[in-house]
Amino acid sequence: MTWSAVLALAAGTYLMRLVGLALRHRVAVPERVERYIDLGATALLVALVATAALTEAGGFAGWARPAGVAVGALAAWRKVPFVLVVVLAAGTTAALRALGVP
C-alpha cells in the first residue's frame, strides 16, 4: 500500500467522523436503526476476536490459544480484574503449549 492511499484513507475516515459530529443534531436516526448499529458493532467485535483467537497465518492456530481465550472470557464474565483476566488467559495458553498442545 502506498503512502498516498494511506493518507487518503486517513483523510476519509477523519471526514466521516467530522460529518457525523456536524450532523448529530440535524439527522434523527430511528430507535430501531440505532439498535441495529449497536448489534453490528458487537458482531464486528466478536468476529475480530474469533479471527484472532482461531487463526494464525491463514490456518488453524491450534487448541492452546482458543482455550486461553475461553478462560479469559470466562474470567471477564465473572468480573475478575482485567489484569488477572490477561494473566489467566496467557497462563492457560502457555501451560497448554508447555504440555505439548499446539
PDB file of N, CA and C in Angstrom:
ATOM      1  N   MET A   1       0.860  -1.175   0.000  1.00  0.00           N
ATOM      2  CA  MET A   1       0.000   0.000   0.000  1.00  0.00           C
ATOM      3  C   MET A   1       0.905   1.236   0.000  1.00  0.00           C
ATOM      4  N   THR A   2       0.546   2.205  -0.796  1.00  0.00           N
ATOM      5  CA  THR A   2       1.368   3.405  -0.900  1.00  0.00           C
ATOM      6  C   THR A   2       0.941   4.440   0.140  1.00  0.00           C
ATOM      7  N   TRP A   3       1.833   5.399   0.357  1.00  0.00           N
ATOM      8  CA  TRP A   3       1.538   6.460   1.335  1.00  0.00           C
ATOM      9  C   TRP A   3       0.349   7.302   0.911  1.00  0.00           C
ATOM     10  N   SER A   4       0.181   7.486  -0.383  1.00  0.00           N
ATOM     11  CA  SER A   4      -0.960   8.282  -0.829  1.00  0.00           C
ATOM     12  C   SER A   4      -2.283   7.583  -0.493  1.00  0.00           C
ATOM     13  N   ALA A   5      -2.314   6.269  -0.610  1.00  0.00           N
ATOM     14  CA  ALA A   5      -3.522   5.526  -0.252  1.00  0.00           C
ATOM     15  C   ALA A   5      -3.783   5.608   1.250  1.00  0.00           C
ATOM     16  N   VAL A   6      -2.728   5.490   2.040  1.00  0.00           N
ATOM     17  CA  VAL A   6      -2.876   5.585   3.494  1.00  0.00           C
ATOM     18  C   VAL A   6      -3.392   6.963   3.891  1.00  0.00           C
ATOM     19  N   LEU A   7      -2.827   8.001   3.293  1.00  0.00           N
ATOM     20  CA  LEU A   7      -3.264   9.367   3.605  1.00  0.00           C
ATOM     21  C   LEU A   7      -4.702   9.610   3.147  1.00  0.00           C
ATOM     22  N   ALA A   8      -5.075   9.064   1.985  1.00  0.00           N
ATOM     23  CA  ALA A   8      -6.447   9.224   1.504  1.00  0.00           C
ATOM     24  C   ALA A   8      -7.439   8.521   2.434  1.00  0.00           C
ATOM     25  N   LEU A   9      -7.102   7.325   2.882  1.00  0.00           N
ATOM     26  CA  LEU A   9      -7.977   6.610   3.808  1.00  0.00           C
ATOM     27  C   LEU A   9      -8.067   7.328   5.153  1.00  0.00           C
ATOM     28  N   ALA A  10      -6.951   7.864   5.632  1.00  0.00           N
ATOM     29  CA  ALA A  10      -6.962   8.600   6.894  1.00  0.00           C
ATOM     30  C   ALA A  10      -7.824   9.852   6.778  1.00  0.00           C
ATOM     31  N   ALA A  11      -7.685  10.574   5.674  1.00  0.00           N
ATOM     32  CA  ALA A  11      -8.487  11.784   5.478  1.00  0.00           C
ATOM     33  C   ALA A  11      -9.972  11.431   5.356  1.00  0.00           C
ATOM     34  N   GLY A  12     -10.287  10.364   4.643  1.00  0.00           N
ATOM     35  CA  GLY A  12     -11.680   9.943   4.514  1.00  0.00           C
ATOM     36  C   GLY A  12     -12.286   9.547   5.853  1.00  0.00           C
ATOM     37  N   THR A  13     -11.523   8.830   6.665  1.00  0.00           N
ATOM     38  CA  THR A  13     -12.003   8.441   7.989  1.00  0.00           C
ATOM     39  C   THR A  13     -12.245   9.668   8.855  1.00  0.00           C
ATOM     40  N   TYR A  14     -11.312  10.592   8.827  1.00  0.00           N
ATOM     41  CA  TYR A  14     -11.455  11.809   9.623  1.00  0.00           C
ATOM     42  C   TYR A  14     -12.685  12.609   9.182  1.00  0.00           C
ATOM     43  N   LEU A  15     -12.872  12.749   7.866  1.00  0.00           N
ATOM     44  CA  LEU A  15     -14.018  13.497   7.356  1.00  0.00           C
ATOM     45  C   LEU A  15     -15.343  12.819   7.704  1.00  0.00           C
ATOM     46  N   MET A  16     -15.388  11.494   7.658  1.00  0.00           N
ATOM     47  CA  MET A  16     -16.630  10.792   8.022  1.00  0.00           C
ATOM     48  C   MET A  16     -16.964  11.018   9.496  1.00  0.00           C
ATOM     49  N   ARG A  17     -15.959  11.003  10.351  1.00  0.00           N
ATOM     50  CA  ARG A  17     -16.202  11.262  11.771  1.00  0.00           C
ATOM     51  C   ARG A  17     -16.632  12.710  11.991  1.00  0.00           C
ATOM     52  N   LEU A  18     -16.025  13.623  11.270  1.00  0.00           N
ATOM     53  CA  LEU A  18     -16.367  15.039  11.388  1.00  0.00           C
ATOM     54  C   LEU A  18     -17.797  15.292  10.924  1.00  0.00           C
ATOM     55  N   VAL A  19     -18.204  14.656   9.823  1.00  0.00           N
ATOM     56  CA  VAL A  19     -19.570  14.806   9.328  1.00  0.00           C
ATOM     57  C   VAL A  19     -20.564  14.239  10.341  1.00  0.00           C
ATOM     58  N   GLY A  20     -20.209  13.120  10.964  1.00  0.00           N
ATOM     59  CA  GLY A  20     -21.073  12.546  11.990  1.00  0.00           C
ATOM     60  C   GLY A  20     -21.293  13.495  13.152  1.00  0.00           C
ATOM     61  N   LEU A  21     -20.240  14.176  13.576  1.00  0.00           N
ATOM     62  CA  LEU A  21     -20.379  15.152  14.652  1.00  0.00           C
ATOM     63  C   LEU A  21     -21.174  16.374  14.212  1.00  0.00           C
ATOM     64  N   ALA A  22     -20.958  16.812  12.983  1.00  0.00           N
ATOM     65  CA  ALA A  22     -21.640  18.012  12.492  1.00  0.00           C
ATOM     66  C   ALA A  22     -23.140  17.774  12.300  1.00  0.00           C
ATOM     67  N   LEU A  23     -23.504  16.575  11.881  1.00  0.00           N
ATOM     68  CA  LEU A  23     -24.915  16.276  11.606  1.00  0.00           C
ATOM     69  C   LEU A  23     -25.624  15.583  12.765  1.00  0.00           C
ATOM     70  N   ARG A  24     -24.986  15.504  13.884  1.00  0.00           N
ATOM     71  CA  ARG A  24     -25.518  14.768  15.021  1.00  0.00           C
ATOM     72  C   ARG A  24     -26.926  15.207  15.435  1.00  0.00           C
ATOM     73  N   HIS A  25     -27.153  16.493  15.487  1.00  0.00           N
ATOM     74  CA  HIS A  25     -28.448  17.004  15.939  1.00  0.00           C
ATOM     75  C   HIS A  25     -29.401  17.313  14.782  1.00  0.00           C
ATOM     76  N   ARG A  26     -28.929  17.213  13.558  1.00  0.00           N
ATOM     77  CA  ARG A  26     -29.771  17.521  12.402  1.00  0.00           C
ATOM     78  C   ARG A  26     -30.470  16.297  11.830  1.00  0.00           C
ATOM     79  N   VAL A  27     -29.883  15.146  12.014  1.00  0.00           N
ATOM     80  CA  VAL A  27     -30.430  13.916  11.443  1.00  0.00           C
ATOM     81  C   VAL A  27     -30.918  13.028  12.583  1.00  0.00           C
ATOM     82  N   ALA A  28     -32.171  12.632  12.514  1.00  0.00           N
ATOM     83  CA  ALA A  28     -32.742  11.753  13.529  1.00  0.00           C
ATOM     84  C   ALA A  28     -32.701  10.312  13.026  1.00  0.00           C
ATOM     85  N   VAL A  29     -32.072   9.455  13.791  1.00  0.00           N
ATOM     86  CA  VAL A  29     -31.993   8.043  13.444  1.00  0.00           C
ATOM     87  C   VAL A  29     -33.042   7.308  14.270  1.00  0.00           C
ATOM     88  N   PRO A  30     -33.903   6.536  13.618  1.00  0.00           N
ATOM     89  CA  PRO A  30     -34.925   5.798  14.375  1.00  0.00           C
ATOM     90  C   PRO A  30     -34.286   4.841  15.394  1.00  0.00           C
ATOM     91  N   GLU A  31     -35.019   4.584  16.449  1.00  0.00           N
ATOM     92  CA  GLU A  31     -34.509   3.725  17.527  1.00  0.00           C
ATOM     93  C   GLU A  31     -34.151   2.331  17.018  1.00  0.00           C
ATOM     94  N   ARG A  32     -34.943   1.830  16.076  1.00  0.00           N
ATOM     95  CA  ARG A  32     -34.683   0.504  15.513  1.00  0.00           C
ATOM     96  C   ARG A  32     -33.335   0.480  14.775  1.00  0.00           C
ATOM     97  N   VAL A  33     -33.022   1.526  14.045  1.00  0.00           N
ATOM     98  CA  VAL A  33     -31.753   1.604  13.329  1.00  0.00           C
ATOM     99  C   VAL A  33     -30.592   1.712  14.321  1.00  0.00           C
ATOM    100  N   GLU A  34     -30.776   2.475  15.387  1.00  0.00           N
ATOM    101  CA  GLU A  34     -29.734   2.565  16.412  1.00  0.00           C
ATOM    102  C   GLU A  34     -29.447   1.200  17.014  1.00  0.00           C
ATOM    103  N   ARG A  35     -30.480   0.415  17.219  1.00  0.00           N
ATOM    104  CA  ARG A  35     -30.296  -0.939  17.756  1.00  0.00           C
ATOM    105  C   ARG A  35     -29.481  -1.788  16.796  1.00  0.00           C
ATOM    106  N   TYR A  36     -29.769  -1.700  15.493  1.00  0.00           N
ATOM    107  CA  TYR A  36     -29.006  -2.456  14.503  1.00  0.00           C
ATOM    108  C   TYR A  36     -27.557  -1.995  14.438  1.00  0.00           C
ATOM    109  N   ILE A  37     -27.317  -0.731  14.619  1.00  0.00           N
ATOM    110  CA  ILE A  37     -25.946  -0.224  14.628  1.00  0.00           C
ATOM    111  C   ILE A  37     -25.187  -0.804  15.814  1.00  0.00           C
ATOM    112  N   ASP A  38     -25.826  -0.826  16.990  1.00  0.00           N
ATOM    113  CA  ASP A  38     -25.195  -1.417  18.167  1.00  0.00           C
ATOM    114  C   ASP A  38     -24.901  -2.899  17.955  1.00  0.00           C
ATOM    115  N   LEU A  39     -25.869  -3.623  17.377  1.00  0.00           N
ATOM    116  CA  LEU A  39     -25.665  -5.049  17.124  1.00  0.00           C
ATOM    117  C   LEU A  39     -24.553  -5.277  16.093  1.00  0.00           C
ATOM    118  N   GLY A  40     -24.470  -4.392  15.109  1.00  0.00           N
ATOM    119  CA  GLY A  40     -23.412  -4.512  14.104  1.00  0.00           C
ATOM    120  C   GLY A  40     -22.035  -4.325  14.714  1.00  0.00           C
ATOM    121  N   ALA A  41     -21.913  -3.376  15.616  1.00  0.00           N
ATOM    122  CA  ALA A  41     -20.633  -3.159  16.292  1.00  0.00           C
ATOM    123  C   ALA A  41     -20.256  -4.366  17.144  1.00  0.00           C
ATOM    124  N   THR A  42     -21.234  -4.947  17.812  1.00  0.00           N
ATOM    125  CA  THR A  42     -20.976  -6.136  18.624  1.00  0.00           C
ATOM    126  C   THR A  42     -20.557  -7.316  17.748  1.00  0.00           C
ATOM    127  N   ALA A  43     -21.240  -7.513  16.638  1.00  0.00           N
ATOM    128  CA  ALA A  43     -20.898  -8.601  15.729  1.00  0.00           C
ATOM    129  C   ALA A  43     -19.503  -8.423  15.151  1.00  0.00           C
ATOM    130  N   LEU A  44     -19.133  -7.205  14.849  1.00  0.00           N
ATOM    131  CA  LEU A  44     -17.800  -6.936  14.325  1.00  0.00           C
ATOM    132  C   LEU A  44     -16.729  -7.258  15.365  1.00  0.00           C
ATOM    133  N   LEU A  45     -16.968  -6.901  16.611  1.00  0.00           N
ATOM    134  CA  LEU A  45     -16.015  -7.195  17.683  1.00  0.00           C
ATOM    135  C   LEU A  45     -15.883  -8.700  17.897  1.00  0.00           C
ATOM    136  N   VAL A  46     -17.001  -9.424  17.881  1.00  0.00           N
ATOM    137  CA  VAL A  46     -16.962 -10.880  18.055  1.00  0.00           C
ATOM    138  C   VAL A  46     -16.203 -11.529  16.892  1.00  0.00           C
ATOM    139  N   ALA A  47     -16.422 -11.068  15.679  1.00  0.00           N
ATOM    140  CA  ALA A  47     -15.716 -11.609  14.524  1.00  0.00           C
ATOM    141  C   ALA A  47     -14.215 -11.352  14.619  1.00  0.00           C
ATOM    142  N   LEU A  48     -13.839 -10.182  15.098  1.00  0.00           N
ATOM    143  CA  LEU A  48     -12.423  -9.871  15.266  1.00  0.00           C
ATOM    144  C   LEU A  48     -11.775 -10.780  16.298  1.00  0.00           C
ATOM    145  N   VAL A  49     -12.446 -10.981  17.428  1.00  0.00           N
ATOM    146  CA  VAL A  49     -11.912 -11.855  18.478  1.00  0.00           C
ATOM    147  C   VAL A  49     -11.822 -13.294  17.974  1.00  0.00           C
ATOM    148  N   ALA A  50     -12.842 -13.762  17.283  1.00  0.00           N
ATOM    149  CA  ALA A  50     -12.823 -15.133  16.773  1.00  0.00           C
ATOM    150  C   ALA A  50     -11.704 -15.341  15.766  1.00  0.00           C
ATOM    151  N   THR A  51     -11.510 -14.378  14.885  1.00  0.00           N
ATOM    152  CA  THR A  51     -10.441 -14.494  13.900  1.00  0.00           C
ATOM    153  C   THR A  51      -9.074 -14.496  14.569  1.00  0.00           C
ATOM    154  N   ALA A  52      -8.874 -13.617  15.538  1.00  0.00           N
ATOM    155  CA  ALA A  52      -7.591 -13.553  16.227  1.00  0.00           C
ATOM    156  C   ALA A  52      -7.345 -14.789  17.082  1.00  0.00           C
ATOM    157  N   ALA A  53      -8.399 -15.350  17.645  1.00  0.00           N
ATOM    158  CA  ALA A  53      -8.246 -16.494  18.539  1.00  0.00           C
ATOM    159  C   ALA A  53      -8.067 -17.808  17.795  1.00  0.00           C
ATOM    160  N   LEU A  54      -8.656 -17.937  16.633  1.00  0.00           N
ATOM    161  CA  LEU A  54      -8.692 -19.229  15.971  1.00  0.00           C
ATOM    162  C   LEU A  54      -7.740 -19.389  14.797  1.00  0.00           C
ATOM    163  N   THR A  55      -7.218 -18.304  14.257  1.00  0.00           N
ATOM    164  CA  THR A  55      -6.380 -18.425  13.063  1.00  0.00           C
ATOM    165  C   THR A  55      -4.990 -17.842  13.290  1.00  0.00           C
ATOM    166  N   GLU A  56      -4.053 -18.405  12.544  1.00  0.00           N
ATOM    167  CA  GLU A  56      -2.678 -17.899  12.527  1.00  0.00           C
ATOM    168  C   GLU A  56      -2.097 -18.231  11.158  1.00  0.00           C
ATOM    169  N   ALA A  57      -1.626 -17.235  10.460  1.00  0.00           N
ATOM    170  CA  ALA A  57      -1.032 -17.397   9.133  1.00  0.00           C
ATOM    171  C   ALA A  57      -1.991 -18.105   8.168  1.00  0.00           C
ATOM    172  N   GLY A  58      -3.270 -17.788   8.256  1.00  0.00           N
ATOM    173  CA  GLY A  58      -4.239 -18.337   7.327  1.00  0.00           C
ATOM    174  C   GLY A  58      -4.751 -19.726   7.665  1.00  0.00           C
ATOM    175  N   GLY A  59      -4.303 -20.294   8.771  1.00  0.00           N
ATOM    176  CA  GLY A  59      -4.762 -21.627   9.159  1.00  0.00           C
ATOM    177  C   GLY A  59      -5.184 -21.649  10.616  1.00  0.00           C
ATOM    178  N   PHE A  60      -5.557 -22.835  11.069  1.00  0.00           N
ATOM    179  CA  PHE A  60      -5.995 -23.007  12.456  1.00  0.00           C
ATOM    180  C   PHE A  60      -4.819 -22.785  13.393  1.00  0.00           C
ATOM    181  N   ALA A  61      -5.032 -22.057  14.477  1.00  0.00           N
ATOM    182  CA  ALA A  61      -3.955 -21.691  15.400  1.00  0.00           C
ATOM    183  C   ALA A  61      -3.610 -22.796  16.377  1.00  0.00           C
ATOM    184  N   GLY A  62      -4.373 -23.843  16.446  1.00  0.00           N
ATOM    185  CA  GLY A  62      -4.153 -24.887  17.447  1.00  0.00           C
ATOM    186  C   GLY A  62      -5.142 -24.717  18.588  1.00  0.00           C
ATOM    187  N   TRP A  63      -5.102 -25.623  19.544  1.00  0.00           N
ATOM    188  CA  TRP A  63      -6.091 -25.627  20.612  1.00  0.00           C
ATOM    189  C   TRP A  63      -5.701 -24.783  21.810  1.00  0.00           C
ATOM    190  N   ALA A  64      -4.431 -24.490  21.989  1.00  0.00           N
ATOM    191  CA  ALA A  64      -3.986 -23.756  23.179  1.00  0.00           C
ATOM    192  C   ALA A  64      -4.519 -22.322  23.188  1.00  0.00           C
ATOM    193  N   ARG A  65      -4.444 -21.645  22.070  1.00  0.00           N
ATOM    194  CA  ARG A  65      -4.894 -20.251  22.023  1.00  0.00           C
ATOM    195  C   ARG A  65      -6.405 -20.107  22.257  1.00  0.00           C
ATOM    196  N   PRO A  66      -7.253 -20.885  21.564  1.00  0.00           N
ATOM    197  CA  PRO A  66      -8.689 -20.762  21.862  1.00  0.00           C
ATOM    198  C   PRO A  66      -9.031 -21.126  23.309  1.00  0.00           C
ATOM    199  N   ALA A  67      -8.310 -22.068  23.893  1.00  0.00           N
ATOM    200  CA  ALA A  67      -8.555 -22.416  25.290  1.00  0.00           C
ATOM    201  C   ALA A  67      -8.198 -21.243  26.201  1.00  0.00           C
ATOM    202  N   GLY A  68      -7.092 -20.572  25.915  1.00  0.00           N
ATOM    203  CA  GLY A  68      -6.718 -19.390  26.695  1.00  0.00           C
ATOM    204  C   GLY A  68      -7.732 -18.270  26.560  1.00  0.00           C
ATOM    205  N   VAL A  69      -8.225 -18.073  25.355  1.00  0.00           N
ATOM    206  CA  VAL A  69      -9.250 -17.046  25.134  1.00  0.00           C
ATOM    207  C   VAL A  69     -10.526 -17.410  25.892  1.00  0.00           C
ATOM    208  N   ALA A  70     -10.885 -18.686  25.894  1.00  0.00           N
ATOM    209  CA  ALA A  70     -12.086 -19.118  26.607  1.00  0.00           C
ATOM    210  C   ALA A  70     -11.945 -18.900  28.113  1.00  0.00           C
ATOM    211  N   VAL A  71     -10.766 -19.202  28.657  1.00  0.00           N
ATOM    212  CA  VAL A  71     -10.534 -18.965  30.085  1.00  0.00           C
ATOM    213  C   VAL A  71     -10.591 -17.471  30.383  1.00  0.00           C
ATOM    214  N   GLY A  72     -10.006 -16.653  29.517  1.00  0.00           N
ATOM    215  CA  GLY A  72     -10.068 -15.206  29.701  1.00  0.00           C
ATOM    216  C   GLY A  72     -11.487 -14.677  29.613  1.00  0.00           C
ATOM    217  N   ALA A  73     -12.264 -15.207  28.677  1.00  0.00           N
ATOM    218  CA  ALA A  73     -13.657 -14.769  28.538  1.00  0.00           C
ATOM    219  C   ALA A  73     -14.477 -15.163  29.761  1.00  0.00           C
ATOM    220  N   LEU A  74     -14.243 -16.361  30.269  1.00  0.00           N
ATOM    221  CA  LEU A  74     -14.946 -16.804  31.474  1.00  0.00           C
ATOM    222  C   LEU A  74     -14.582 -15.923  32.666  1.00  0.00           C
ATOM    223  N   ALA A  75     -13.306 -15.601  32.788  1.00  0.00           N
ATOM    224  CA  ALA A  75     -12.874 -14.737  33.885  1.00  0.00           C
ATOM    225  C   ALA A  75     -13.469 -13.335  33.759  1.00  0.00           C
ATOM    226  N   ALA A  76     -13.511 -12.818  32.540  1.00  0.00           N
ATOM    227  CA  ALA A  76     -14.109 -11.489  32.334  1.00  0.00           C
ATOM    228  C   ALA A  76     -15.597 -11.514  32.644  1.00  0.00           C
ATOM    229  N   TRP A  77     -16.270 -12.597  32.264  1.00  0.00           N
ATOM    230  CA  TRP A  77     -17.694 -12.736  32.548  1.00  0.00           C
ATOM    231  C   TRP A  77     -17.954 -12.789  34.050  1.00  0.00           C
ATOM    232  N   ARG A  78     -17.017 -13.370  34.786  1.00  0.00           N
ATOM    233  CA  ARG A  78     -17.145 -13.454  36.240  1.00  0.00           C
ATOM    234  C   ARG A  78     -16.673 -12.167  36.926  1.00  0.00           C
ATOM    235  N   LYS A  79     -16.337 -11.147  36.125  1.00  0.00           N
ATOM    236  CA  LYS A  79     -15.934  -9.814  36.599  1.00  0.00           C
ATOM    237  C   LYS A  79     -14.645  -9.843  37.414  1.00  0.00           C
ATOM    238  N   VAL A  80     -13.709 -10.659  36.965  1.00  0.00           N
ATOM    239  CA  VAL A  80     -12.372 -10.697  37.542  1.00  0.00           C
ATOM    240  C   VAL A  80     -11.637  -9.442  37.063  1.00  0.00           C
ATOM    241  N   PRO A  81     -10.751  -8.858  37.863  1.00  0.00           N
ATOM    242  CA  PRO A  81      -9.999  -7.683  37.406  1.00  0.00           C
ATOM    243  C   PRO A  81      -9.255  -7.964  36.088  1.00  0.00           C
ATOM    244  N   PHE A  82      -9.179  -6.936  35.257  1.00  0.00           N
ATOM    245  CA  PHE A  82      -8.670  -7.100  33.895  1.00  0.00           C
ATOM    246  C   PHE A  82      -7.260  -7.681  33.850  1.00  0.00           C
ATOM    247  N   VAL A  83      -6.393  -7.222  34.730  1.00  0.00           N
ATOM    248  CA  VAL A  83      -5.007  -7.720  34.734  1.00  0.00           C
ATOM    249  C   VAL A  83      -5.004  -9.230  34.988  1.00  0.00           C
ATOM    250  N   LEU A  84      -5.838  -9.677  35.888  1.00  0.00           N
ATOM    251  CA  LEU A  84      -5.923 -11.109  36.178  1.00  0.00           C
ATOM    252  C   LEU A  84      -6.527 -11.873  34.998  1.00  0.00           C
ATOM    253  N   VAL A  85      -7.463 -11.275  34.290  1.00  0.00           N
ATOM    254  CA  VAL A  85      -8.024 -11.904  33.087  1.00  0.00           C
ATOM    255  C   VAL A  85      -6.915 -12.172  32.076  1.00  0.00           C
ATOM    256  N   VAL A  86      -6.073 -11.169  31.848  1.00  0.00           N
ATOM    257  CA  VAL A  86      -4.973 -11.319  30.890  1.00  0.00           C
ATOM    258  C   VAL A  86      -3.990 -12.381  31.363  1.00  0.00           C
ATOM    259  N   VAL A  87      -3.658 -12.358  32.647  1.00  0.00           N
ATOM    260  CA  VAL A  87      -2.712 -13.339  33.193  1.00  0.00           C
ATOM    261  C   VAL A  87      -3.281 -14.754  33.094  1.00  0.00           C
ATOM    262  N   LEU A  88      -4.543 -14.920  33.413  1.00  0.00           N
ATOM    263  CA  LEU A  88      -5.168 -16.244  33.314  1.00  0.00           C
ATOM    264  C   LEU A  88      -5.189 -16.757  31.878  1.00  0.00           C
ATOM    265  N   ALA A  89      -5.553 -15.892  30.946  1.00  0.00           N
ATOM    266  CA  ALA A  89      -5.607 -16.306  29.536  1.00  0.00           C
ATOM    267  C   ALA A  89      -4.214 -16.668  29.022  1.00  0.00           C
ATOM    268  N   ALA A  90      -3.239 -15.813  29.292  1.00  0.00           N
ATOM    269  CA  ALA A  90      -1.874 -16.081  28.826  1.00  0.00           C
ATOM    270  C   ALA A  90      -1.289 -17.302  29.532  1.00  0.00           C
ATOM    271  N   GLY A  91      -1.560 -17.431  30.824  1.00  0.00           N
ATOM    272  CA  GLY A  91      -1.051 -18.577  31.566  1.00  0.00           C
ATOM    273  C   GLY A  91      -1.632 -19.890  31.080  1.00  0.00           C
ATOM    274  N   THR A  92      -2.911 -19.891  30.783  1.00  0.00           N
ATOM    275  CA  THR A  92      -3.547 -21.099  30.255  1.00  0.00           C
ATOM    276  C   THR A  92      -2.936 -21.497  28.921  1.00  0.00           C
ATOM    277  N   THR A  93      -2.773 -20.521  28.045  1.00  0.00           N
ATOM    278  CA  THR A  93      -2.178 -20.803  26.734  1.00  0.00           C
ATOM    279  C   THR A  93      -0.746 -21.302  26.888  1.00  0.00           C
ATOM    280  N   ALA A  94       0.032 -20.641  27.740  1.00  0.00           N
ATOM    281  CA  ALA A  94       1.427 -21.047  27.944  1.00  0.00           C
ATOM    282  C   ALA A  94       1.518 -22.437  28.554  1.00  0.00           C
ATOM    283  N   ALA A  95       0.666 -22.735  29.529  1.00  0.00           N
ATOM    284  CA  ALA A  95       0.702 -24.052  30.172  1.00  0.00           C
ATOM    285  C   ALA A  95       0.343 -25.158  29.183  1.00  0.00           C
ATOM    286  N   LEU A  96      -0.679 -24.908  28.366  1.00  0.00           N
ATOM    287  CA  LEU A  96      -1.063 -25.919  27.373  1.00  0.00           C
ATOM    288  C   LEU A  96       0.035 -26.129  26.339  1.00  0.00           C
ATOM    289  N   ARG A  97       0.678 -25.056  25.934  1.00  0.00           N
ATOM    290  CA  ARG A  97       1.769 -25.207  24.963  1.00  0.00           C
ATOM    291  C   ARG A  97       2.959 -25.911  25.592  1.00  0.00           C
ATOM    292  N   ALA A  98       3.217 -25.662  26.873  1.00  0.00           N
ATOM    293  CA  ALA A  98       4.299 -26.357  27.574  1.00  0.00           C
ATOM    294  C   ALA A  98       4.009 -27.850  27.689  1.00  0.00           C
ATOM    295  N   LEU A  99       2.729 -28.212  27.758  1.00  0.00           N
ATOM    296  CA  LEU A  99       2.338 -29.611  27.812  1.00  0.00           C
ATOM    297  C   LEU A  99       2.310 -30.275  26.435  1.00  0.00           C
ATOM    298  N   GLY A 100       2.571 -29.494  25.389  1.00  0.00           N
ATOM    299  CA  GLY A 100       2.632 -30.049  24.040  1.00  0.00           C
ATOM    300  C   GLY A 100       1.382 -29.879  23.211  1.00  0.00           C
ATOM    301  N   VAL A 101       0.409 -29.166  23.753  1.00  0.00           N
ATOM    302  CA  VAL A 101      -0.815 -28.904  22.988  1.00  0.00           C
ATOM    303  C   VAL A 101      -0.514 -27.797  21.980  1.00  0.00           C
ATOM    304  N   PRO A 102      -0.775 -28.037  20.706  1.00  0.00           N
ATOM    305  CA  PRO A 102      -0.450 -26.989  19.710  1.00  0.00           C
ATOM    306  C   PRO A 102      -1.355 -25.775  19.799  1.00  0.00           C
TER     307      PRO A 102
END
